[in-house]
Amino acid sequence: MAFTTFEQIYDPVDFAAAVQNYTLEKSAFVQSGILERSGEYTARLLSGGEFGELPFIDDLTGEESVASGVASELISPDPVTMGKMVYQKDFRTKSWGVPDLVARIAGEDLIGAAVKLVGDYRLRQQQKTLIAKFAGFAASNVANNAGDMVKDISIDTTASLTDAHKISFNAILDATLTMGDRFDEITAMVMNSVQWGQLMRIDAANVVRKSDIEPFNRYYGRIVIIDDSIGYHQGTNKQIHTCYLLGTGSVAFATGNERSVIVRDEKAGMGYGATELVTSYDQLMHIKGSTSKAALIGSGKSPTNDTYKLAASHERVFDRKAVKLAFLKTNG
């Protein structure tokens, strides 16, 4: 009886495209509207280089003039100021041993199952990168902007915790109000299961769990993405958890140059040979309103997630209200 092997039915172009499509379709950040995709972002990603610039126009300011009935009185125009955001591209690669990959697949659809395995892995990695950038941007805000985007109700002392130190409707409201009168532009929240569990305990009536029809959990109408890869900061005495509050289109996003190839090394295993599936892709994932200046490590073409977590890796270039992002730090 003949068996079909993964290598016999594998097509590198089709497989790479399938992984990219699967990742976009399953990404909670894409589906919630947090990540904004456009042809412009894709073109900038594919234009070459390791970083680039996104220009922006500042909000128009100044008072209106009162019309005059005297023809010789001329209006003086206010200047329109422009700025730029610097983004850094992410170049990511990963390989798997083909026998190990296939060993995890049950059923006859080898390619479809492999796409799901690789796609789910890709999703987890993209979310980790985005969370790392959020964390670094929050640290930068505290260090350079007096924490005007951060509501911190956490403590790190030996005192007993109370509800005042934990996530709640009022705490979320206070965090969104760091945006002033544009607070209603916050449409989604990203938190770990500890914070979500606390909301369920204290306000279950307003916690709506996702269903087959509605793909997202919701809290007072806002989309909630629960992701334990956020983790928490272990202080001297207490755990400190961060909830990220986000607006639609708050992050520019594009992926491209998707590559996938099977490599056979006949010398591996002292001549026994080894087969690997090697994948790589390029990514533009940039928080709008910031300039990215993360350092490269060694010969890397893009920063690591650990580097993105550093305050020095980010600088805000928008006014506070123009950045659709806020942070809430709690003890649970």
C-alpha atoms as a PDB file:
ATOM      1  CA  MET A   1       0.000   0.000   0.000  1.00  0.00           C
ATOM      2  CA  ALA A   2       1.442   3.355  -1.059  1.00  0.00           C
ATOM      3  CA  PHE A   3       1.405   6.285   1.341  1.00  0.00           C
ATOM      4  CA  THR A   4       1.399   9.950   0.364  1.00  0.00           C
ATOM      5  CA  THR A   5       4.148  11.923   2.064  1.00  0.00           C
ATOM      6  CA  PHE A   6       4.068  15.581   3.018  1.00  0.00           C
ATOM      7  CA  GLU A   7       6.889  16.360   0.607  1.00  0.00           C
ATOM      8  CA  GLN A   8       5.011  14.804  -2.340  1.00  0.00           C
ATOM      9  CA  ILE A   9       1.990  17.117  -2.037  1.00  0.00           C
ATOM     10  CA  TYR A  10       3.783  20.204  -0.722  1.00  0.00           C
ATOM     11  CA  ASP A  11       3.862  23.321  -2.909  1.00  0.00           C
ATOM     12  CA  PRO A  12       5.945  26.181  -1.409  1.00  0.00           C
ATOM     13  CA  VAL A  13       3.958  29.044  -2.964  1.00  0.00           C
ATOM     14  CA  ASP A  14       0.542  27.631  -2.133  1.00  0.00           C
ATOM     15  CA  PHE A  15       1.598  26.646   1.379  1.00  0.00           C
ATOM     16  CA  ALA A  16       3.043  30.084   2.170  1.00  0.00           C
ATOM     17  CA  ALA A  17      -0.093  31.819   0.865  1.00  0.00           C
ATOM     18  CA  ALA A  18      -2.336  29.468   2.841  1.00  0.00           C
ATOM     19  CA  VAL A  19      -0.446  30.178   6.085  1.00  0.00           C
ATOM     20  CA  GLN A  20      -0.706  33.930   5.521  1.00  0.00           C
ATOM     21  CA  ASN A  21      -4.443  33.757   4.766  1.00  0.00           C
ATOM     22  CA  TYR A  22      -5.128  31.497   7.738  1.00  0.00           C
ATOM     23  CA  THR A  23      -3.245  33.826  10.079  1.00  0.00           C
ATOM     24  CA  LEU A  24      -5.155  36.901   8.907  1.00  0.00           C
ATOM     25  CA  GLU A  25      -8.509  35.136   9.120  1.00  0.00           C
ATOM     26  CA  LYS A  26      -7.895  33.851  12.644  1.00  0.00           C
ATOM     27  CA  SER A  27      -6.157  36.892  14.142  1.00  0.00           C
ATOM     28  CA  ALA A  28      -8.306  38.387  16.895  1.00  0.00           C
ATOM     29  CA  PHE A  29      -6.392  41.658  16.579  1.00  0.00           C
ATOM     30  CA  VAL A  30      -7.147  41.854  12.852  1.00  0.00           C
ATOM     31  CA  GLN A  31     -10.785  40.795  13.186  1.00  0.00           C
ATOM     32  CA  SER A  32     -11.415  43.247  16.044  1.00  0.00           C
ATOM     33  CA  GLY A  33     -10.195  46.143  13.912  1.00  0.00           C
ATOM     34  CA  ILE A  34      -7.269  47.029  16.176  1.00  0.00           C
ATOM     35  CA  LEU A  35      -4.794  46.273  13.381  1.00  0.00           C
ATOM     36  CA  GLU A  36      -5.427  48.456  10.342  1.00  0.00           C
ATOM     37  CA  ARG A  37      -4.396  46.976   7.020  1.00  0.00           C
ATOM     38  CA  SER A  38      -3.997  48.989   3.821  1.00  0.00           C
ATOM     39  CA  GLY A  39      -2.298  48.880   0.464  1.00  0.00           C
ATOM     40  CA  GLU A  40      -0.056  51.731   1.583  1.00  0.00           C
ATOM     41  CA  TYR A  41       1.293  49.755   4.539  1.00  0.00           C
ATOM     42  CA  THR A  42       1.900  46.713   2.346  1.00  0.00           C
ATOM     43  CA  ALA A  43       3.742  48.811  -0.236  1.00  0.00           C
ATOM     44  CA  ARG A  44       5.935  50.332   2.467  1.00  0.00           C
ATOM     45  CA  LEU A  45       6.707  46.892   3.889  1.00  0.00           C
ATOM     46  CA  LEU A  46       7.723  45.553   0.498  1.00  0.00           C
ATOM     47  CA  SER A  47       9.743  48.635  -0.462  1.00  0.00           C
ATOM     48  CA  GLY A  48      12.940  47.317   1.099  1.00  0.00           C
ATOM     49  CA  GLY A  49      15.003  48.481   4.027  1.00  0.00           C
ATOM     50  CA  GLU A  50      14.675  47.785   7.718  1.00  0.00           C
ATOM     51  CA  PHE A  51      12.679  50.879   8.699  1.00  0.00           C
ATOM     52  CA  GLY A  52      10.644  53.665   7.110  1.00  0.00           C
ATOM     53  CA  GLU A  53       8.599  56.772   7.778  1.00  0.00           C
ATOM     54  CA  LEU A  54       4.850  57.377   8.000  1.00  0.00           C
ATOM     55  CA  PRO A  55       4.049  61.099   7.661  1.00  0.00           C
ATOM     56  CA  PHE A  56       1.143  62.669   9.529  1.00  0.00           C
ATOM     57  CA  ILE A  57      -0.558  66.056   9.781  1.00  0.00           C
ATOM     58  CA  ASP A  58      -1.164  67.567  13.213  1.00  0.00           C
ATOM     59  CA  ASP A  59      -4.711  68.489  14.198  1.00  0.00           C
ATOM     60  CA  LEU A  60      -5.762  71.924  13.028  1.00  0.00           C
ATOM     61  CA  THR A  61      -5.796  74.495  15.833  1.00  0.00           C
ATOM     62  CA  GLY A  62      -6.523  78.180  16.417  1.00  0.00           C
ATOM     63  CA  GLU A  63      -9.695  80.238  16.681  1.00  0.00           C
ATOM     64  CA  GLU A  64     -11.983  81.099  13.789  1.00  0.00           C
ATOM     65  CA  SER A  65     -11.944  84.629  12.428  1.00  0.00           C
ATOM     66  CA  VAL A  66     -15.009  86.848  12.152  1.00  0.00           C
ATOM     67  CA  ALA A  67     -15.800  87.845   8.592  1.00  0.00           C
ATOM     68  CA  SER A  68     -15.276  91.495   7.746  1.00  0.00           C
ATOM     69  CA  GLY A  69     -17.214  93.785   5.479  1.00  0.00           C
ATOM     70  CA  VAL A  70     -14.015  95.677   4.624  1.00  0.00           C
ATOM     71  CA  ALA A  71     -12.387  94.252   1.496  1.00  0.00           C
ATOM     72  CA  SER A  72      -8.900  95.445   2.486  1.00  0.00           C
ATOM     73  CA  GLU A  73      -8.865  93.332   5.682  1.00  0.00           C
ATOM     74  CA  LEU A  74      -7.126  90.036   4.860  1.00  0.00           C
ATOM     75  CA  ILE A  75      -7.232  86.770   6.765  1.00  0.00           C
ATOM     76  CA  SER A  76      -3.942  85.334   8.008  1.00  0.00           C
ATOM     77  CA  PRO A  77      -3.628  81.565   7.561  1.00  0.00           C
ATOM     78  CA  ASP A  78      -2.434  79.397  10.418  1.00  0.00           C
ATOM     79  CA  PRO A  79       0.377  76.985   9.572  1.00  0.00           C
ATOM     80  CA  VAL A  80      -0.330  73.303   8.938  1.00  0.00           C
ATOM     81  CA  THR A  81       2.368  71.327  10.722  1.00  0.00           C
ATOM     82  CA  MET A  82       3.501  67.876   9.674  1.00  0.00           C
ATOM     83  CA  GLY A  83       5.518  65.207  11.395  1.00  0.00           C
ATOM     84  CA  LYS A  84       6.618  61.655  10.842  1.00  0.00           C
ATOM     85  CA  MET A  85       6.487  58.328  12.608  1.00  0.00           C
ATOM     86  CA  VAL A  86       9.438  55.994  12.164  1.00  0.00           C
ATOM     87  CA  TYR A  87       8.491  52.321  12.002  1.00  0.00           C
ATOM     88  CA  GLN A  88      10.728  49.271  12.160  1.00  0.00           C
ATOM     89  CA  LYS A  89      10.001  46.129  10.211  1.00  0.00           C
ATOM     90  CA  ASP A  90      10.008  42.673  11.755  1.00  0.00           C
ATOM     91  CA  PHE A  91      11.726  39.875   9.860  1.00  0.00           C
ATOM     92  CA  ARG A  92      10.783  36.522  11.360  1.00  0.00           C
ATOM     93  CA  THR A  93      11.866  32.945  10.584  1.00  0.00           C
ATOM     94  CA  LYS A  94      11.143  29.478  11.978  1.00  0.00           C
ATOM     95  CA  SER A  95      11.882  25.889  11.006  1.00  0.00           C
ATOM     96  CA  TRP A  96      10.430  22.529  11.987  1.00  0.00           C
ATOM     97  CA  GLY A  97      11.589  19.005  11.343  1.00  0.00           C
ATOM     98  CA  VAL A  98       9.109  17.600   8.800  1.00  0.00           C
ATOM     99  CA  PRO A  99       8.837  14.171  10.492  1.00  0.00           C
ATOM    100  CA  ASP A 100       8.112  15.846  13.845  1.00  0.00           C
ATOM    101  CA  LEU A 101       5.533  18.128  12.228  1.00  0.00           C
ATOM    102  CA  VAL A 102       3.742  15.297  10.414  1.00  0.00           C
ATOM    103  CA  ALA A 103       3.782  13.141  13.562  1.00  0.00           C
ATOM    104  CA  ARG A 104       1.437  15.684  15.191  1.00  0.00           C
ATOM    105  CA  ILE A 105      -1.064  15.520  12.324  1.00  0.00           C
ATOM    106  CA  ALA A 106      -3.975  13.100  12.448  1.00  0.00           C
ATOM    107  CA  GLY A 107      -6.005  12.404   9.321  1.00  0.00           C
ATOM    108  CA  GLU A 108      -5.407  12.590   5.599  1.00  0.00           C
ATOM    109  CA  ASP A 109      -5.272  16.371   5.033  1.00  0.00           C
ATOM    110  CA  LEU A 110      -1.566  16.743   5.677  1.00  0.00           C
ATOM    111  CA  ILE A 111      -1.242  20.184   4.071  1.00  0.00           C
ATOM    112  CA  GLY A 112      -4.371  21.634   5.682  1.00  0.00           C
ATOM    113  CA  ALA A 113      -3.364  20.408   9.118  1.00  0.00           C
ATOM    114  CA  ALA A 114       0.179  21.695   8.685  1.00  0.00           C
ATOM    115  CA  VAL A 115      -1.161  25.105   7.644  1.00  0.00           C
ATOM    116  CA  LYS A 116      -3.192  25.220  10.848  1.00  0.00           C
ATOM    117  CA  LEU A 117      -0.235  24.211  13.034  1.00  0.00           C
ATOM    118  CA  VAL A 118       2.099  26.757  11.450  1.00  0.00           C
ATOM    119  CA  GLY A 119      -0.628  29.426  11.317  1.00  0.00           C
ATOM    120  CA  ASP A 120      -1.560  29.019  14.976  1.00  0.00           C
ATOM    121  CA  TYR A 121       2.112  29.267  15.922  1.00  0.00           C
ATOM    122  CA  ARG A 122       2.425  32.412  13.799  1.00  0.00           C
ATOM    123  CA  LEU A 123      -0.598  33.967  15.526  1.00  0.00           C
ATOM    124  CA  ARG A 124       0.885  33.399  18.963  1.00  0.00           C
ATOM    125  CA  GLN A 125       4.180  34.944  17.919  1.00  0.00           C
ATOM    126  CA  GLN A 126       2.557  37.996  16.310  1.00  0.00           C
ATOM    127  CA  GLN A 127       0.498  38.610  19.446  1.00  0.00           C
ATOM    128  CA  LYS A 128       3.623  38.348  21.604  1.00  0.00           C
ATOM    129  CA  THR A 129       5.377  40.916  19.420  1.00  0.00           C
ATOM    130  CA  LEU A 130       2.427  43.315  19.580  1.00  0.00           C
ATOM    131  CA  ILE A 131       2.120  42.959  23.357  1.00  0.00           C
ATOM    132  CA  ALA A 132       5.865  43.586  23.694  1.00  0.00           C
ATOM    133  CA  LYS A 133       5.494  46.835  21.729  1.00  0.00           C
ATOM    134  CA  PHE A 134       2.529  47.912  23.875  1.00  0.00           C
ATOM    135  CA  ALA A 135       4.507  47.188  27.041  1.00  0.00           C
ATOM    136  CA  GLY A 136       7.493  49.210  25.837  1.00  0.00           C
ATOM    137  CA  PHE A 137       5.286  52.096  24.744  1.00  0.00           C
ATOM    138  CA  ALA A 138       3.645  52.149  28.196  1.00  0.00           C
ATOM    139  CA  ALA A 139       7.069  52.194  29.850  1.00  0.00           C
ATOM    140  CA  SER A 140       8.136  55.039  27.566  1.00  0.00           C
ATOM    141  CA  ASN A 141       4.996  56.983  28.458  1.00  0.00           C
ATOM    142  CA  VAL A 142       5.760  56.719  32.164  1.00  0.00           C
ATOM    143  CA  ALA A 143       9.386  57.684  31.620  1.00  0.00           C
ATOM    144  CA  ASN A 144       8.854  60.570  29.200  1.00  0.00           C
ATOM    145  CA  ASN A 145       5.245  61.800  29.343  1.00  0.00           C
ATOM    146  CA  ALA A 146       4.469  61.670  33.069  1.00  0.00           C
ATOM    147  CA  GLY A 147       2.382  58.543  32.519  1.00  0.00           C
ATOM    148  CA  ASP A 148      -0.506  60.487  30.988  1.00  0.00           C
ATOM    149  CA  MET A 149      -1.718  57.346  29.208  1.00  0.00           C
ATOM    150  CA  VAL A 150      -1.506  55.103  32.269  1.00  0.00           C
ATOM    151  CA  LYS A 151      -3.976  54.580  35.104  1.00  0.00           C
ATOM    152  CA  ASP A 152      -2.132  52.683  37.844  1.00  0.00           C
ATOM    153  CA  ILE A 153      -4.176  51.449  40.807  1.00  0.00           C
ATOM    154  CA  SER A 154      -1.760  48.674  41.731  1.00  0.00           C
ATOM    155  CA  ILE A 155       0.365  48.485  44.868  1.00  0.00           C
ATOM    156  CA  ASP A 156       3.589  46.645  45.577  1.00  0.00           C
ATOM    157  CA  THR A 157       3.626  46.660  49.368  1.00  0.00           C
ATOM    158  CA  THR A 158       2.872  44.089  52.040  1.00  0.00           C
ATOM    159  CA  ALA A 159      -0.579  45.628  52.619  1.00  0.00           C
ATOM    160  CA  SER A 160      -3.626  43.459  51.916  1.00  0.00           C
ATOM    161  CA  LEU A 161      -5.264  43.863  48.526  1.00  0.00           C
ATOM    162  CA  THR A 162      -8.726  45.354  48.242  1.00  0.00           C
ATOM    163  CA  ASP A 163     -11.100  45.810  45.311  1.00  0.00           C
ATOM    164  CA  ALA A 164      -9.630  49.297  44.895  1.00  0.00           C
ATOM    165  CA  HIS A 165      -6.459  47.665  43.550  1.00  0.00           C
ATOM    166  CA  LYS A 166      -8.237  45.370  41.078  1.00  0.00           C
ATOM    167  CA  ILE A 167      -9.799  45.840  37.680  1.00  0.00           C
ATOM    168  CA  SER A 168     -13.349  47.196  37.647  1.00  0.00           C
ATOM    169  CA  PHE A 169     -15.698  49.277  35.547  1.00  0.00           C
ATOM    170  CA  ASN A 170     -14.584  52.461  37.310  1.00  0.00           C
ATOM    171  CA  ALA A 171     -10.895  51.631  36.825  1.00  0.00           C
ATOM    172  CA  ILE A 172     -11.448  50.985  33.121  1.00  0.00           C
ATOM    173  CA  LEU A 173     -13.401  54.234  32.844  1.00  0.00           C
ATOM    174  CA  ASP A 174     -10.598  56.194  34.525  1.00  0.00           C
ATOM    175  CA  ALA A 175      -8.053  54.682  32.130  1.00  0.00           C
ATOM    176  CA  THR A 176     -10.113  55.607  29.059  1.00  0.00           C
ATOM    177  CA  LEU A 177     -10.575  59.131  30.419  1.00  0.00           C
ATOM    178  CA  THR A 178      -6.837  59.696  30.056  1.00  0.00           C
ATOM    179  CA  MET A 179      -7.922  60.392  26.449  1.00  0.00           C
ATOM    180  CA  GLY A 180     -10.166  63.214  27.640  1.00  0.00           C
ATOM    181  CA  ASP A 181     -13.265  63.814  25.529  1.00  0.00           C
ATOM    182  CA  ARG A 182     -12.096  61.237  22.981  1.00  0.00           C
ATOM    183  CA  PHE A 183     -12.466  58.371  25.458  1.00  0.00           C
ATOM    184  CA  ASP A 184     -15.234  56.779  23.414  1.00  0.00           C
ATOM    185  CA  GLU A 185     -12.716  55.957  20.670  1.00  0.00           C
ATOM    186  CA  ILE A 186     -11.559  53.025  22.824  1.00  0.00           C
ATOM    187  CA  THR A 187     -13.330  50.000  21.325  1.00  0.00           C
ATOM    188  CA  ALA A 188     -11.366  46.994  22.578  1.00  0.00           C
ATOM    189  CA  MET A 189      -9.431  45.730  25.571  1.00  0.00           C
ATOM    190  CA  VAL A 190      -6.652  43.174  25.831  1.00  0.00           C
ATOM    191  CA  MET A 191      -6.159  41.524  29.204  1.00  0.00           C
ATOM    192  CA  ASN A 192      -5.052  38.254  30.765  1.00  0.00           C
ATOM    193  CA  SER A 193      -7.400  35.695  32.289  1.00  0.00           C
ATOM    194  CA  VAL A 194      -6.719  36.966  35.829  1.00  0.00           C
ATOM    195  CA  GLN A 195      -8.254  40.353  35.047  1.00  0.00           C
ATOM    196  CA  TRP A 196     -11.080  38.810  33.014  1.00  0.00           C
ATOM    197  CA  GLY A 197     -11.899  36.489  35.884  1.00  0.00           C
ATOM    198  CA  GLN A 198     -12.053  39.447  38.275  1.00  0.00           C
ATOM    199  CA  LEU A 199     -14.528  41.240  35.996  1.00  0.00           C
ATOM    200  CA  MET A 200     -16.669  38.109  35.883  1.00  0.00           C
ATOM    201  CA  ARG A 201     -16.684  37.857  39.671  1.00  0.00           C
ATOM    202  CA  ILE A 202     -17.686  41.448  40.368  1.00  0.00           C
ATOM    203  CA  ASP A 203     -19.765  42.352  37.314  1.00  0.00           C
ATOM    204  CA  ALA A 204     -21.007  39.130  35.729  1.00  0.00           C
ATOM    205  CA  ALA A 205     -24.190  40.745  34.435  1.00  0.00           C
ATOM    206  CA  ASN A 206     -22.193  42.907  32.037  1.00  0.00           C
ATOM    207  CA  VAL A 207     -19.700  40.255  30.969  1.00  0.00           C
ATOM    208  CA  VAL A 208     -20.815  38.718  27.680  1.00  0.00           C
ATOM    209  CA  ARG A 209     -18.986  35.566  26.663  1.00  0.00           C
ATOM    210  CA  LYS A 210     -18.344  34.870  23.013  1.00  0.00           C
ATOM    211  CA  SER A 211     -20.586  32.516  21.082  1.00  0.00           C
ATOM    212  CA  ASP A 212     -20.590  30.914  17.659  1.00  0.00           C
ATOM    213  CA  ILE A 213     -22.297  34.041  16.336  1.00  0.00           C
ATOM    214  CA  GLU A 214     -20.254  36.652  18.242  1.00  0.00           C
ATOM    215  CA  PRO A 215     -16.528  35.766  18.063  1.00  0.00           C
ATOM    216  CA  PHE A 216     -15.452  38.080  20.894  1.00  0.00           C
ATOM    217  CA  ASN A 217     -16.086  38.405  24.585  1.00  0.00           C
ATOM    218  CA  ARG A 218     -17.536  41.822  25.408  1.00  0.00           C
ATOM    219  CA  TYR A 219     -17.673  44.068  28.441  1.00  0.00           C
ATOM    220  CA  TYR A 220     -20.026  47.044  28.311  1.00  0.00           C
ATOM    221  CA  GLY A 221     -20.010  46.708  24.549  1.00  0.00           C
ATOM    222  CA  ARG A 222     -16.238  46.729  24.177  1.00  0.00           C
ATOM    223  CA  ILE A 223     -14.447  43.801  22.570  1.00  0.00           C
ATOM    224  CA  VAL A 224     -12.280  41.853  25.018  1.00  0.00           C
ATOM    225  CA  ILE A 225      -9.315  39.801  23.815  1.00  0.00           C
ATOM    226  CA  ILE A 226      -8.035  37.465  26.525  1.00  0.00           C
ATOM    227  CA  ASP A 227      -4.378  36.564  26.082  1.00  0.00           C
ATOM    228  CA  ASP A 228      -2.233  35.074  28.830  1.00  0.00           C
ATOM    229  CA  SER A 229       0.927  35.772  26.846  1.00  0.00           C
ATOM    230  CA  ILE A 230       0.586  39.271  28.343  1.00  0.00           C
ATOM    231  CA  GLY A 231       1.778  37.756  31.583  1.00  0.00           C
ATOM    232  CA  TYR A 232       2.316  40.039  34.553  1.00  0.00           C
ATOM    233  CA  HIS A 233       5.098  41.911  36.315  1.00  0.00           C
ATOM    234  CA  GLN A 234       6.236  40.272  39.529  1.00  0.00           C
ATOM    235  CA  GLY A 235       6.972  43.103  41.936  1.00  0.00           C
ATOM    236  CA  THR A 236       8.699  42.781  45.276  1.00  0.00           C
ATOM    237  CA  ASN A 237       5.432  41.923  47.032  1.00  0.00           C
ATOM    238  CA  LYS A 238       2.627  41.804  44.471  1.00  0.00           C
ATOM    239  CA  GLN A 239       1.789  40.783  40.930  1.00  0.00           C
ATOM    240  CA  ILE A 240       1.000  43.727  38.642  1.00  0.00           C
ATOM    241  CA  HIS A 241      -1.241  43.083  35.640  1.00  0.00           C
ATOM    242  CA  THR A 242      -1.707  45.388  32.645  1.00  0.00           C
ATOM    243  CA  CYS A 243      -4.875  45.831  30.601  1.00  0.00           C
ATOM    244  CA  TYR A 244      -4.426  47.464  27.195  1.00  0.00           C
ATOM    245  CA  LEU A 245      -7.302  49.644  25.972  1.00  0.00           C
ATOM    246  CA  LEU A 246      -7.274  50.184  22.224  1.00  0.00           C
ATOM    247  CA  GLY A 247      -9.118  52.049  19.512  1.00  0.00           C
ATOM    248  CA  THR A 248     -10.026  50.858  16.025  1.00  0.00           C
ATOM    249  CA  GLY A 249      -7.073  51.164  13.666  1.00  0.00           C
ATOM    250  CA  SER A 250      -4.652  52.068  16.440  1.00  0.00           C
ATOM    251  CA  VAL A 251      -1.899  49.893  14.918  1.00  0.00           C
ATOM    252  CA  ALA A 252      -0.680  49.947  11.308  1.00  0.00           C
ATOM    253  CA  PHE A 253      -0.225  46.396  10.030  1.00  0.00           C
ATOM    254  CA  ALA A 254       0.975  44.518   6.983  1.00  0.00           C
ATOM    255  CA  THR A 255       2.639  41.203   6.214  1.00  0.00           C
ATOM    256  CA  GLY A 256       4.436  40.120   3.079  1.00  0.00           C
ATOM    257  CA  ASN A 257       7.317  38.248   1.471  1.00  0.00           C
ATOM    258  CA  GLU A 258       5.889  35.025   2.848  1.00  0.00           C
ATOM    259  CA  ARG A 259       8.354  32.213   2.157  1.00  0.00           C
ATOM    260  CA  SER A 260       8.268  28.488   2.798  1.00  0.00           C
ATOM    261  CA  VAL A 261      10.650  25.791   1.654  1.00  0.00           C
ATOM    262  CA  ILE A 262      11.536  22.198   2.481  1.00  0.00           C
ATOM    263  CA  VAL A 263      15.258  21.715   3.025  1.00  0.00           C
ATOM    264  CA  ARG A 264      16.984  18.319   2.960  1.00  0.00           C
ATOM    265  CA  ASP A 265      20.376  17.944   4.635  1.00  0.00           C
ATOM    266  CA  GLU A 266      21.866  14.598   3.664  1.00  0.00           C
ATOM    267  CA  LYS A 267      24.853  15.043   6.028  1.00  0.00           C
ATOM    268  CA  ALA A 268      22.715  15.427   9.133  1.00  0.00           C
ATOM    269  CA  GLY A 269      22.544  12.495  11.526  1.00  0.00           C
ATOM    270  CA  MET A 270      25.929  11.253  10.316  1.00  0.00           C
ATOM    271  CA  GLY A 271      24.553  10.663   6.841  1.00  0.00           C
ATOM    272  CA  TYR A 272      21.075   9.516   7.869  1.00  0.00           C
ATOM    273  CA  GLY A 273      19.676  12.842   6.654  1.00  0.00           C
ATOM    274  CA  ALA A 274      17.126  15.325   7.980  1.00  0.00           C
ATOM    275  CA  THR A 275      14.242  17.221   6.381  1.00  0.00           C
ATOM    276  CA  GLU A 276      13.075  20.617   7.624  1.00  0.00           C
ATOM    277  CA  LEU A 277      10.245  22.976   6.765  1.00  0.00           C
ATOM    278  CA  VAL A 278      11.670  26.520   6.874  1.00  0.00           C
ATOM    279  CA  THR A 279       9.286  29.492   6.909  1.00  0.00           C
ATOM    280  CA  SER A 280       9.857  33.247   7.019  1.00  0.00           C
ATOM    281  CA  TYR A 281       7.898  36.444   6.518  1.00  0.00           C
ATOM    282  CA  ASP A 282       8.191  40.225   6.862  1.00  0.00           C
ATOM    283  CA  GLN A 283       5.892  42.307   9.031  1.00  0.00           C
ATOM    284  CA  LEU A 284       4.985  45.938   9.641  1.00  0.00           C
ATOM    285  CA  MET A 285       3.236  46.312  13.004  1.00  0.00           C
ATOM    286  CA  HIS A 286       3.459  49.885  14.267  1.00  0.00           C
ATOM    287  CA  ILE A 287       1.624  51.732  17.039  1.00  0.00           C
ATOM    288  CA  LYS A 288       0.207  54.892  15.493  1.00  0.00           C
ATOM    289  CA  GLY A 289       1.444  58.015  17.194  1.00  0.00           C
ATOM    290  CA  SER A 290       4.841  56.573  18.077  1.00  0.00           C
ATOM    291  CA  THR A 291       8.313  56.425  16.646  1.00  0.00           C
ATOM    292  CA  SER A 292      10.107  53.111  17.017  1.00  0.00           C
ATOM    293  CA  LYS A 293      13.817  53.228  17.793  1.00  0.00           C
ATOM    294  CA  ALA A 294      14.563  49.788  19.195  1.00  0.00           C
ATOM    295  CA  ALA A 295      18.155  48.641  18.999  1.00  0.00           C
ATOM    296  CA  LEU A 296      19.178  45.673  16.884  1.00  0.00           C
ATOM    297  CA  ILE A 297      20.896  42.801  18.661  1.00  0.00           C
ATOM    298  CA  GLY A 298      23.960  41.327  16.994  1.00  0.00           C
ATOM    299  CA  SER A 299      23.434  40.681  13.286  1.00  0.00           C
ATOM    300  CA  GLY A 300      19.643  40.773  13.587  1.00  0.00           C
ATOM    301  CA  LYS A 301      17.694  42.609  10.883  1.00  0.00           C
ATOM    302  CA  SER A 302      14.966  43.623  13.333  1.00  0.00           C
ATOM    303  CA  PRO A 303      14.593  44.050  17.105  1.00  0.00           C
ATOM    304  CA  THR A 304      13.659  41.194  19.412  1.00  0.00           C
ATOM    305  CA  ASN A 305      10.510  41.220  21.541  1.00  0.00           C
ATOM    306  CA  ASP A 306      12.615  41.798  24.652  1.00  0.00           C
ATOM    307  CA  THR A 307      14.065  44.923  23.029  1.00  0.00           C
ATOM    308  CA  TYR A 308      10.597  46.198  22.121  1.00  0.00           C
ATOM    309  CA  LYS A 309       9.637  45.983  25.812  1.00  0.00           C
ATOM    310  CA  LEU A 310      12.155  48.687  26.721  1.00  0.00           C
ATOM    311  CA  ALA A 311      11.071  52.288  27.288  1.00  0.00           C
ATOM    312  CA  ALA A 312      13.991  53.527  25.183  1.00  0.00           C
ATOM    313  CA  SER A 313      12.589  51.694  22.151  1.00  0.00           C
ATOM    314  CA  HIS A 314       9.614  54.055  21.744  1.00  0.00           C
ATOM    315  CA  GLU A 315       8.819  57.753  21.570  1.00  0.00           C
ATOM    316  CA  ARG A 316       5.370  59.336  21.345  1.00  0.00           C
ATOM    317  CA  VAL A 317       5.028  61.880  18.535  1.00  0.00           C
ATOM    318  CA  PHE A 318       1.248  62.511  18.671  1.00  0.00           C
ATOM    319  CA  ASP A 319      -0.606  64.588  21.236  1.00  0.00           C
ATOM    320  CA  ARG A 320      -2.114  62.433  23.969  1.00  0.00           C
ATOM    321  CA  LYS A 321      -5.680  62.582  22.673  1.00  0.00           C
ATOM    322  CA  ALA A 322      -4.630  61.532  19.179  1.00  0.00           C
ATOM    323  CA  VAL A 323      -3.238  58.182  20.386  1.00  0.00           C
ATOM    324  CA  LYS A 324      -6.068  55.648  20.676  1.00  0.00           C
ATOM    325  CA  LEU A 325      -4.418  53.687  23.434  1.00  0.00           C
ATOM    326  CA  ALA A 326      -4.507  53.613  27.242  1.00  0.00           C
ATOM    327  CA  PHE A 327      -3.088  51.344  29.929  1.00  0.00           C
ATOM    328  CA  LEU A 328      -4.588  50.107  33.180  1.00  0.00           C
ATOM    329  CA  LYS A 329      -2.322  48.544  35.806  1.00  0.00           C
ATOM    330  CA  THR A 330      -3.944  46.502  38.577  1.00  0.00           C
ATOM    331  CA  ASN A 331      -3.228  43.737  41.078  1.00  0.00           C
ATOM    332  CA  GLY A 332      -5.837  41.483  39.545  1.00  0.00           C
END
